[in-house]
PDB file of N, CA and C in Angstrom:
ATOM      1  N   UNK A   1      14.157  -6.821  -8.540  1.00  0.00           N
ATOM      2  CA  UNK A   1      13.885  -6.561  -7.142  1.00  0.00           C
ATOM      3  C   UNK A   1      13.523  -5.086  -6.983  1.00  0.00           C
ATOM      4  N   UNK A   2      12.571  -4.813  -6.117  1.00  0.00           N
ATOM      5  CA  UNK A   2      12.094  -3.450  -5.891  1.00  0.00           C
ATOM      6  C   UNK A   2      12.974  -2.767  -4.848  1.00  0.00           C
ATOM      7  N   UNK A   3      13.362  -1.520  -5.141  1.00  0.00           N
ATOM      8  CA  UNK A   3      14.148  -0.736  -4.193  1.00  0.00           C
ATOM      9  C   UNK A   3      13.187  -0.090  -3.207  1.00  0.00           C
ATOM     10  N   UNK A   4      12.991  -0.719  -2.043  1.00  0.00           N
ATOM     11  CA  UNK A   4      12.035  -0.237  -1.055  1.00  0.00           C
ATOM     12  C   UNK A   4      12.495   1.034  -0.360  1.00  0.00           C
ATOM     13  N   UNK A   5      13.762   1.403  -0.487  1.00  0.00           N
ATOM     14  CA  UNK A   5      14.269   2.609   0.160  1.00  0.00           C
ATOM     15  C   UNK A   5      13.969   3.861  -0.666  1.00  0.00           C
ATOM     16  N   UNK A   6      13.731   3.700  -1.950  1.00  0.00           N
ATOM     17  CA  UNK A   6      13.472   4.832  -2.835  1.00  0.00           C
ATOM     18  C   UNK A   6      12.059   5.361  -2.595  1.00  0.00           C
ATOM     19  N   UNK A   7      11.927   6.677  -2.370  1.00  0.00           N
ATOM     20  CA  UNK A   7      10.623   7.297  -2.158  1.00  0.00           C
ATOM     21  C   UNK A   7      10.182   8.027  -3.420  1.00  0.00           C
ATOM     22  N   UNK A   8       8.918   7.908  -3.781  1.00  0.00           N
ATOM     23  CA  UNK A   8       8.432   8.597  -4.968  1.00  0.00           C
ATOM     24  C   UNK A   8       8.273  10.097  -4.720  1.00  0.00           C
ATOM     25  N   UNK A   9       8.210  10.871  -5.803  1.00  0.00           N
ATOM     26  CA  UNK A   9       8.034  12.313  -5.689  1.00  0.00           C
ATOM     27  C   UNK A   9       6.634  12.676  -5.229  1.00  0.00           C
ATOM     28  N   UNK A  10       5.639  11.905  -5.649  1.00  0.00           N
ATOM     29  CA  UNK A  10       4.254  12.137  -5.239  1.00  0.00           C
ATOM     30  C   UNK A  10       3.815  10.934  -4.407  1.00  0.00           C
ATOM     31  N   UNK A  11       3.355  11.198  -3.197  1.00  0.00           N
ATOM     32  CA  UNK A  11       2.958  10.119  -2.294  1.00  0.00           C
ATOM     33  C   UNK A  11       1.762   9.355  -2.848  1.00  0.00           C
ATOM     34  N   UNK A  12       1.793   8.050  -2.683  1.00  0.00           N
ATOM     35  CA  UNK A  12       0.689   7.206  -3.117  1.00  0.00           C
ATOM     36  C   UNK A  12      -0.481   7.356  -2.168  1.00  0.00           C
ATOM     37  N   UNK A  13      -1.643   7.063  -2.703  1.00  0.00           N
ATOM     38  CA  UNK A  13      -2.835   7.026  -1.875  1.00  0.00           C
ATOM     39  C   UNK A  13      -3.857   6.132  -2.547  1.00  0.00           C
ATOM     40  N   UNK A  14      -4.861   5.765  -1.788  1.00  0.00           N
ATOM     41  CA  UNK A  14      -5.941   4.930  -2.314  1.00  0.00           C
ATOM     42  C   UNK A  14      -7.045   5.862  -2.796  1.00  0.00           C
ATOM     43  N   UNK A  15      -7.530   5.591  -4.000  1.00  0.00           N
ATOM     44  CA  UNK A  15      -8.581   6.419  -4.585  1.00  0.00           C
ATOM     45  C   UNK A  15      -9.747   5.546  -5.037  1.00  0.00           C
ATOM     46  N   UNK A  16     -10.880   6.202  -5.246  1.00  0.00           N
ATOM     47  CA  UNK A  16     -12.050   5.564  -5.861  1.00  0.00           C
ATOM     48  C   UNK A  16     -12.425   6.411  -7.062  1.00  0.00           C
ATOM     49  N   UNK A  17     -12.492   5.775  -8.203  1.00  0.00           N
ATOM     50  CA  UNK A  17     -12.845   6.463  -9.442  1.00  0.00           C
ATOM     51  C   UNK A  17     -13.772   5.526 -10.217  1.00  0.00           C
ATOM     52  N   UNK A  18     -14.983   5.965 -10.512  1.00  0.00           N
ATOM     53  CA  UNK A  18     -15.921   5.082 -11.214  1.00  0.00           C
ATOM     54  C   UNK A  18     -15.388   4.538 -12.540  1.00  0.00           C
ATOM     55  N   UNK A  19     -14.427   5.221 -13.136  1.00  0.00           N
ATOM     56  CA  UNK A  19     -13.892   4.755 -14.416  1.00  0.00           C
ATOM     57  C   UNK A  19     -12.739   3.760 -14.266  1.00  0.00           C
ATOM     58  N   UNK A  20     -12.335   3.495 -13.017  1.00  0.00           N
ATOM     59  CA  UNK A  20     -11.249   2.543 -12.752  1.00  0.00           C
ATOM     60  C   UNK A  20     -11.788   1.433 -11.865  1.00  0.00           C
ATOM     61  N   UNK A  21     -11.751   0.234 -12.353  1.00  0.00           N
ATOM     62  CA  UNK A  21     -12.179  -0.953 -11.598  1.00  0.00           C
ATOM     63  C   UNK A  21     -13.575  -0.762 -10.983  1.00  0.00           C
ATOM     64  N   UNK A  22     -14.466  -0.148 -11.753  1.00  0.00           N
ATOM     65  CA  UNK A  22     -15.861   0.083 -11.334  1.00  0.00           C
ATOM     66  C   UNK A  22     -15.979   0.828 -10.007  1.00  0.00           C
ATOM     67  N   UNK A  23     -15.003   1.646  -9.697  1.00  0.00           N
ATOM     68  CA  UNK A  23     -15.060   2.449  -8.481  1.00  0.00           C
ATOM     69  C   UNK A  23     -14.515   1.767  -7.236  1.00  0.00           C
ATOM     70  N   UNK A  24     -13.978   0.558  -7.372  1.00  0.00           N
ATOM     71  CA  UNK A  24     -13.370  -0.118  -6.225  1.00  0.00           C
ATOM     72  C   UNK A  24     -12.130   0.681  -5.798  1.00  0.00           C
ATOM     73  N   UNK A  25     -11.820   0.731  -4.511  1.00  0.00           N
ATOM     74  CA  UNK A  25     -10.631   1.458  -4.074  1.00  0.00           C
ATOM     75  C   UNK A  25      -9.360   0.806  -4.630  1.00  0.00           C
ATOM     76  N   UNK A  26      -8.519   1.623  -5.259  1.00  0.00           N
ATOM     77  CA  UNK A  26      -7.266   1.146  -5.848  1.00  0.00           C
ATOM     78  C   UNK A  26      -6.140   2.090  -5.452  1.00  0.00           C
ATOM     79  N   UNK A  27      -4.911   1.620  -5.565  1.00  0.00           N
ATOM     80  CA  UNK A  27      -3.747   2.472  -5.368  1.00  0.00           C
ATOM     81  C   UNK A  27      -3.659   3.393  -6.588  1.00  0.00           C
ATOM     82  N   UNK A  28      -3.597   4.698  -6.340  1.00  0.00           N
ATOM     83  CA  UNK A  28      -3.585   5.680  -7.427  1.00  0.00           C
ATOM     84  C   UNK A  28      -2.494   5.350  -8.448  1.00  0.00           C
ATOM     85  N   UNK A  29      -2.854   5.457  -9.713  1.00  0.00           N
ATOM     86  CA  UNK A  29      -1.915   5.187 -10.800  1.00  0.00           C
ATOM     87  C   UNK A  29      -1.820   3.718 -11.176  1.00  0.00           C
ATOM     88  N   UNK A  30      -2.608   2.868 -10.500  1.00  0.00           N
ATOM     89  CA  UNK A  30      -2.604   1.434 -10.799  1.00  0.00           C
ATOM     90  C   UNK A  30      -4.045   0.947 -10.891  1.00  0.00           C
ATOM     91  N   UNK A  31      -4.183  -0.308 -11.220  1.00  0.00           N
ATOM     92  CA  UNK A  31      -5.487  -0.970 -11.172  1.00  0.00           C
ATOM     93  C   UNK A  31      -5.460  -2.049 -10.087  1.00  0.00           C
ATOM     94  N   UNK A  32      -4.578  -1.882  -9.119  1.00  0.00           N
ATOM     95  CA  UNK A  32      -4.439  -2.859  -8.036  1.00  0.00           C
ATOM     96  C   UNK A  32      -5.434  -2.500  -6.937  1.00  0.00           C
ATOM     97  N   UNK A  33      -6.427  -3.369  -6.681  1.00  0.00           N
ATOM     98  CA  UNK A  33      -7.410  -3.091  -5.638  1.00  0.00           C
ATOM     99  C   UNK A  33      -6.784  -3.081  -4.245  1.00  0.00           C
ATOM    100  N   UNK A  34      -7.176  -2.096  -3.464  1.00  0.00           N
ATOM    101  CA  UNK A  34      -6.669  -1.981  -2.096  1.00  0.00           C
ATOM    102  C   UNK A  34      -7.014  -3.226  -1.279  1.00  0.00           C
ATOM    103  N   UNK A  35      -8.205  -3.760  -1.479  1.00  0.00           N
ATOM    104  CA  UNK A  35      -8.602  -4.938  -0.706  1.00  0.00           C
ATOM    105  C   UNK A  35      -7.782  -6.175  -1.060  1.00  0.00           C
ATOM    106  N   UNK A  36      -7.237  -6.231  -2.253  1.00  0.00           N
ATOM    107  CA  UNK A  36      -6.348  -7.328  -2.624  1.00  0.00           C
ATOM    108  C   UNK A  36      -5.060  -7.250  -1.815  1.00  0.00           C
ATOM    109  N   UNK A  37      -4.531  -6.041  -1.659  1.00  0.00           N
ATOM    110  CA  UNK A  37      -3.324  -5.856  -0.852  1.00  0.00           C
ATOM    111  C   UNK A  37      -3.627  -6.173   0.606  1.00  0.00           C
ATOM    112  N   UNK A  38      -4.788  -5.744   1.088  1.00  0.00           N
ATOM    113  CA  UNK A  38      -5.191  -6.064   2.468  1.00  0.00           C
ATOM    114  C   UNK A  38      -5.237  -7.577   2.651  1.00  0.00           C
ATOM    115  N   UNK A  39      -5.787  -8.294   1.697  1.00  0.00           N
ATOM    116  CA  UNK A  39      -5.864  -9.758   1.800  1.00  0.00           C
ATOM    117  C   UNK A  39      -4.475 -10.377   1.881  1.00  0.00           C
ATOM    118  N   UNK A  40      -3.537  -9.866   1.094  1.00  0.00           N
ATOM    119  CA  UNK A  40      -2.163 -10.371   1.151  1.00  0.00           C
ATOM    120  C   UNK A  40      -1.540 -10.090   2.526  1.00  0.00           C
ATOM    121  N   UNK A  41      -1.756  -8.902   3.054  1.00  0.00           N
ATOM    122  CA  UNK A  41      -1.197  -8.568   4.370  1.00  0.00           C
ATOM    123  C   UNK A  41      -1.824  -9.433   5.460  1.00  0.00           C
ATOM    124  N   UNK A  42      -3.129  -9.645   5.369  1.00  0.00           N
ATOM    125  CA  UNK A  42      -3.805 -10.510   6.348  1.00  0.00           C
ATOM    126  C   UNK A  42      -3.290 -11.937   6.279  1.00  0.00           C
ATOM    127  N   UNK A  43      -2.886 -12.358   5.102  1.00  0.00           N
ATOM    128  CA  UNK A  43      -2.366 -13.722   4.928  1.00  0.00           C
ATOM    129  C   UNK A  43      -0.927 -13.848   5.418  1.00  0.00           C
ATOM    130  N   UNK A  44      -0.342 -12.725   5.838  1.00  0.00           N
ATOM    131  CA  UNK A  44       1.006 -12.780   6.398  1.00  0.00           C
ATOM    132  C   UNK A  44       2.120 -12.556   5.403  1.00  0.00           C
ATOM    133  N   UNK A  45       1.805 -12.103   4.201  1.00  0.00           N
ATOM    134  CA  UNK A  45       2.839 -11.852   3.196  1.00  0.00           C
ATOM    135  C   UNK A  45       3.639 -10.603   3.550  1.00  0.00           C
ATOM    136  N   UNK A  46       4.914 -10.646   3.285  1.00  0.00           N
ATOM    137  CA  UNK A  46       5.781  -9.492   3.525  1.00  0.00           C
ATOM    138  C   UNK A  46       5.553  -8.450   2.434  1.00  0.00           C
ATOM    139  N   UNK A  47       5.999  -7.229   2.693  1.00  0.00           N
ATOM    140  CA  UNK A  47       5.908  -6.183   1.678  1.00  0.00           C
ATOM    141  C   UNK A  47       6.635  -6.619   0.409  1.00  0.00           C
ATOM    142  N   UNK A  48       7.793  -7.227   0.552  1.00  0.00           N
ATOM    143  CA  UNK A  48       8.560  -7.668  -0.614  1.00  0.00           C
ATOM    144  C   UNK A  48       7.771  -8.671  -1.444  1.00  0.00           C
ATOM    145  N   UNK A  49       7.080  -9.603  -0.788  1.00  0.00           N
ATOM    146  CA  UNK A  49       6.271 -10.584  -1.514  1.00  0.00           C
ATOM    147  C   UNK A  49       5.135  -9.904  -2.271  1.00  0.00           C
ATOM    148  N   UNK A  50       4.524  -8.912  -1.640  1.00  0.00           N
ATOM    149  CA  UNK A  50       3.442  -8.188  -2.302  1.00  0.00           C
ATOM    150  C   UNK A  50       3.981  -7.457  -3.532  1.00  0.00           C
ATOM    151  N   UNK A  51       5.139  -6.801  -3.394  1.00  0.00           N
ATOM    152  CA  UNK A  51       5.736  -6.104  -4.535  1.00  0.00           C
ATOM    153  C   UNK A  51       6.109  -7.068  -5.653  1.00  0.00           C
ATOM    154  N   UNK A  52       6.529  -8.270  -5.310  1.00  0.00           N
ATOM    155  CA  UNK A  52       6.852  -9.255  -6.340  1.00  0.00           C
ATOM    156  C   UNK A  52       5.596  -9.683  -7.090  1.00  0.00           C
ATOM    157  N   UNK A  53       4.473  -9.787  -6.368  1.00  0.00           N
ATOM    158  CA  UNK A  53       3.217 -10.184  -6.996  1.00  0.00           C
ATOM    159  C   UNK A  53       2.561  -9.043  -7.772  1.00  0.00           C
ATOM    160  N   UNK A  54       2.806  -7.804  -7.346  1.00  0.00           N
ATOM    161  CA  UNK A  54       2.192  -6.626  -7.971  1.00  0.00           C
ATOM    162  C   UNK A  54       3.278  -5.602  -8.295  1.00  0.00           C
ATOM    163  N   UNK A  55       4.055  -5.840  -9.332  1.00  0.00           N
ATOM    164  CA  UNK A  55       5.188  -4.961  -9.645  1.00  0.00           C
ATOM    165  C   UNK A  55       4.792  -3.553 -10.072  1.00  0.00           C
ATOM    166  N   UNK A  56       3.525  -3.312 -10.379  1.00  0.00           N
ATOM    167  CA  UNK A  56       3.106  -1.962 -10.745  1.00  0.00           C
ATOM    168  C   UNK A  56       2.862  -1.071  -9.538  1.00  0.00           C
ATOM    169  N   UNK A  57       2.881  -1.647  -8.346  1.00  0.00           N
ATOM    170  CA  UNK A  57       2.683  -0.833  -7.142  1.00  0.00           C
ATOM    171  C   UNK A  57       3.846   0.131  -6.953  1.00  0.00           C
ATOM    172  N   UNK A  58       3.550   1.387  -6.625  1.00  0.00           N
ATOM    173  CA  UNK A  58       4.645   2.296  -6.273  1.00  0.00           C
ATOM    174  C   UNK A  58       5.246   1.853  -4.940  1.00  0.00           C
ATOM    175  N   UNK A  59       6.463   2.267  -4.661  1.00  0.00           N
ATOM    176  CA  UNK A  59       7.154   1.775  -3.469  1.00  0.00           C
ATOM    177  C   UNK A  59       6.423   2.119  -2.178  1.00  0.00           C
ATOM    178  N   UNK A  60       5.629   3.185  -2.160  1.00  0.00           N
ATOM    179  CA  UNK A  60       4.880   3.517  -0.947  1.00  0.00           C
ATOM    180  C   UNK A  60       3.409   3.097  -1.054  1.00  0.00           C
ATOM    181  N   UNK A  61       3.088   2.267  -2.035  1.00  0.00           N
ATOM    182  CA  UNK A  61       1.717   1.828  -2.246  1.00  0.00           C
ATOM    183  C   UNK A  61       1.157   1.011  -1.096  1.00  0.00           C
ATOM    184  N   UNK A  62       1.968   0.155  -0.516  1.00  0.00           N
ATOM    185  CA  UNK A  62       1.491  -0.666   0.603  1.00  0.00           C
ATOM    186  C   UNK A  62       1.235   0.210   1.818  1.00  0.00           C
ATOM    187  N   UNK A  63       2.086   1.193   2.052  1.00  0.00           N
ATOM    188  CA  UNK A  63       1.855   2.127   3.158  1.00  0.00           C
ATOM    189  C   UNK A  63       0.542   2.881   2.953  1.00  0.00           C
ATOM    190  N   UNK A  64       0.270   3.281   1.719  1.00  0.00           N
ATOM    191  CA  UNK A  64      -0.978   3.974   1.415  1.00  0.00           C
ATOM    192  C   UNK A  64      -2.180   3.078   1.709  1.00  0.00           C
ATOM    193  N   UNK A  65      -2.074   1.799   1.354  1.00  0.00           N
ATOM    194  CA  UNK A  65      -3.160   0.852   1.625  1.00  0.00           C
ATOM    195  C   UNK A  65      -3.322   0.664   3.132  1.00  0.00           C
ATOM    196  N   UNK A  66      -2.231   0.556   3.849  1.00  0.00           N
ATOM    197  CA  UNK A  66      -2.330   0.411   5.309  1.00  0.00           C
ATOM    198  C   UNK A  66      -3.045   1.618   5.930  1.00  0.00           C
ATOM    199  N   UNK A  67      -2.681   2.822   5.519  1.00  0.00           N
ATOM    200  CA  UNK A  67      -3.326   4.025   6.058  1.00  0.00           C
ATOM    201  C   UNK A  67      -4.814   4.031   5.715  1.00  0.00           C
ATOM    202  N   UNK A  68      -5.147   3.703   4.478  1.00  0.00           N
ATOM    203  CA  UNK A  68      -6.545   3.646   4.062  1.00  0.00           C
ATOM    204  C   UNK A  68      -7.304   2.587   4.867  1.00  0.00           C
ATOM    205  N   UNK A  69      -6.710   1.413   5.019  1.00  0.00           N
ATOM    206  CA  UNK A  69      -7.378   0.306   5.710  1.00  0.00           C
ATOM    207  C   UNK A  69      -7.616   0.619   7.184  1.00  0.00           C
ATOM    208  N   UNK A  70      -6.683   1.320   7.825  1.00  0.00           N
ATOM    209  CA  UNK A  70      -6.891   1.693   9.223  1.00  0.00           C
ATOM    210  C   UNK A  70      -8.131   2.562   9.380  1.00  0.00           C
ATOM    211  N   UNK A  71      -8.364   3.444   8.430  1.00  0.00           N
ATOM    212  CA  UNK A  71      -9.540   4.321   8.476  1.00  0.00           C
ATOM    213  C   UNK A  71     -10.800   3.552   8.083  1.00  0.00           C
ATOM    214  N   UNK A  72     -10.748   2.813   6.985  1.00  0.00           N
ATOM    215  CA  UNK A  72     -11.925   2.133   6.447  1.00  0.00           C
ATOM    216  C   UNK A  72     -12.291   0.839   7.171  1.00  0.00           C
ATOM    217  N   UNK A  73     -11.287   0.097   7.617  1.00  0.00           N
ATOM    218  CA  UNK A  73     -11.522  -1.229   8.196  1.00  0.00           C
ATOM    219  C   UNK A  73     -11.214  -1.303   9.680  1.00  0.00           C
ATOM    220  N   UNK A  74     -10.584  -0.278  10.220  1.00  0.00           N
ATOM    221  CA  UNK A  74     -10.215  -0.262  11.631  1.00  0.00           C
ATOM    222  C   UNK A  74      -8.737  -0.549  11.821  1.00  0.00           C
ATOM    223  N   UNK A  75      -8.217  -0.108  12.943  1.00  0.00           N
ATOM    224  CA  UNK A  75      -6.776  -0.219  13.205  1.00  0.00           C
ATOM    225  C   UNK A  75      -6.263  -1.645  13.208  1.00  0.00           C
ATOM    226  N   UNK A  76      -7.115  -2.597  13.514  1.00  0.00           N
ATOM    227  CA  UNK A  76      -6.657  -3.992  13.585  1.00  0.00           C
ATOM    228  C   UNK A  76      -6.964  -4.753  12.300  1.00  0.00           C
ATOM    229  N   UNK A  77      -6.980  -4.050  11.158  1.00  0.00           N
ATOM    230  CA  UNK A  77      -7.351  -4.694   9.889  1.00  0.00           C
ATOM    231  C   UNK A  77      -6.460  -5.877   9.539  1.00  0.00           C
ATOM    232  N   UNK A  78      -5.193  -5.867   9.976  1.00  0.00           N
ATOM    233  CA  UNK A  78      -4.294  -6.980   9.651  1.00  0.00           C
ATOM    234  C   UNK A  78      -4.447  -8.150  10.609  1.00  0.00           C
ATOM    235  N   UNK A  79      -5.240  -7.994  11.652  1.00  0.00           N
ATOM    236  CA  UNK A  79      -5.365  -9.043  12.668  1.00  0.00           C
ATOM    237  C   UNK A  79      -5.995 -10.313  12.126  1.00  0.00           C
ATOM    238  N   UNK A  80      -6.837 -10.207  11.122  1.00  0.00           N
ATOM    239  CA  UNK A  80      -7.478 -11.385  10.541  1.00  0.00           C
ATOM    240  C   UNK A  80      -6.477 -12.028   9.597  1.00  0.00           C
ATOM    241  N   UNK A  81      -5.944 -13.151   9.995  1.00  0.00           N
ATOM    242  CA  UNK A  81      -4.926 -13.822   9.183  1.00  0.00           C
ATOM    243  C   UNK A  81      -5.351 -15.248   8.883  1.00  0.00           C
ATOM    244  N   UNK A  82      -4.845 -15.767   7.805  1.00  0.00           N
ATOM    245  CA  UNK A  82      -5.121 -17.129   7.396  1.00  0.00           C
ATOM    246  C   UNK A  82      -3.784 -17.817   7.136  1.00  0.00           C
ATOM    247  N   UNK A  83      -3.158 -18.380   8.195  1.00  0.00           N
ATOM    248  CA  UNK A  83      -1.832 -18.974   8.025  1.00  0.00           C
ATOM    249  C   UNK A  83      -1.793 -20.106   7.009  1.00  0.00           C
ATOM    250  N   UNK A  84      -2.880 -20.847   6.849  1.00  0.00           N
ATOM    251  CA  UNK A  84      -2.861 -21.954   5.903  1.00  0.00           C
ATOM    252  C   UNK A  84      -2.738 -21.457   4.469  1.00  0.00           C
ATOM    253  N   UNK A  85      -3.250 -20.265   4.180  1.00  0.00           N
ATOM    254  CA  UNK A  85      -3.136 -19.723   2.816  1.00  0.00           C
ATOM    255  C   UNK A  85      -1.677 -19.478   2.464  1.00  0.00           C
ATOM    256  N   UNK A  86      -0.922 -18.964   3.391  1.00  0.00           N
ATOM    257  CA  UNK A  86       0.487 -18.692   3.121  1.00  0.00           C
ATOM    258  C   UNK A  86       1.263 -19.994   2.942  1.00  0.00           C
ATOM    259  N   UNK A  87       0.988 -20.988   3.775  1.00  0.00           N
ATOM    260  CA  UNK A  87       1.693 -22.266   3.656  1.00  0.00           C
ATOM    261  C   UNK A  87       1.434 -22.891   2.294  1.00  0.00           C
ATOM    262  N   UNK A  88       0.175 -22.826   1.829  1.00  0.00           N
ATOM    263  CA  UNK A  88      -0.155 -23.376   0.530  1.00  0.00           C
ATOM    264  C   UNK A  88       0.535 -22.622  -0.590  1.00  0.00           C
ATOM    265  N   UNK A  89       0.628 -21.340  -0.440  1.00  0.00           N
ATOM    266  CA  UNK A  89       1.268 -20.521  -1.474  1.00  0.00           C
ATOM    267  C   UNK A  89       2.756 -20.804  -1.556  1.00  0.00           C
ATOM    268  N   UNK A  90       3.407 -20.977  -0.402  1.00  0.00           N
ATOM    269  CA  UNK A  90       4.837 -21.272  -0.412  1.00  0.00           C
ATOM    270  C   UNK A  90       5.083 -22.601  -1.085  1.00  0.00           C
ATOM    271  N   UNK A  91       4.177 -23.560  -0.903  1.00  0.00           N
ATOM    272  CA  UNK A  91       4.318 -24.852  -1.565  1.00  0.00           C
ATOM    273  C   UNK A  91       4.246 -24.687  -3.070  1.00  0.00           C
ATOM    274  N   UNK A  92       3.294 -23.826  -3.538  1.00  0.00           N
ATOM    275  CA  UNK A  92       3.182 -23.588  -4.971  1.00  0.00           C
ATOM    276  C   UNK A  92       4.443 -22.971  -5.541  1.00  0.00           C
ATOM    277  N   UNK A  93       5.034 -21.992  -4.815  1.00  0.00           N
ATOM    278  CA  UNK A  93       6.246 -21.349  -5.294  1.00  0.00           C
ATOM    279  C   UNK A  93       7.373 -22.363  -5.443  1.00  0.00           C
ATOM    280  N   UNK A  94       7.435 -23.302  -4.517  1.00  0.00           N
ATOM    281  CA  UNK A  94       8.480 -24.313  -4.593  1.00  0.00           C
ATOM    282  C   UNK A  94       8.334 -25.178  -5.839  1.00  0.00           C
ATOM    283  N   UNK A  95       7.092 -25.423  -6.244  1.00  0.00           N
ATOM    284  CA  UNK A  95       6.848 -26.244  -7.428  1.00  0.00           C
ATOM    285  C   UNK A  95       7.200 -25.508  -8.707  1.00  0.00           C
ATOM    286  N   UNK A  96       7.089 -24.190  -8.696  1.00  0.00           N
ATOM    287  CA  UNK A  96       7.323 -23.406  -9.900  1.00  0.00           C
ATOM    288  C   UNK A  96       8.750 -22.881 -10.002  1.00  0.00           C
ATOM    289  N   UNK A  97       9.529 -23.060  -8.991  1.00  0.00           N
ATOM    290  CA  UNK A  97      10.881 -22.509  -8.981  1.00  0.00           C
ATOM    291  C   UNK A  97      11.825 -23.249  -9.882  1.00  0.00           C
TER     292      UNK A  97
END
């Protein structure tokens, strides 16, 4: 389980580097695309669920993606949600548990 209360010494941020994921925006220090995290948030996943799916994310990585997305995609970036995606995913988790 990820300790969400622990803060890193260096704040996370979203970067673009041509040598990492062909320049797609990623959370610094990882290969996790920012848009993948945005998709999870839009689907209604909690921060804890995202951390379980992407354990390499730093504890403030989701906050960094939210800040980046507000600038790049607009303040209502999380407004686009797909509730059926989450329901289907929960069903899959039940099968694998």
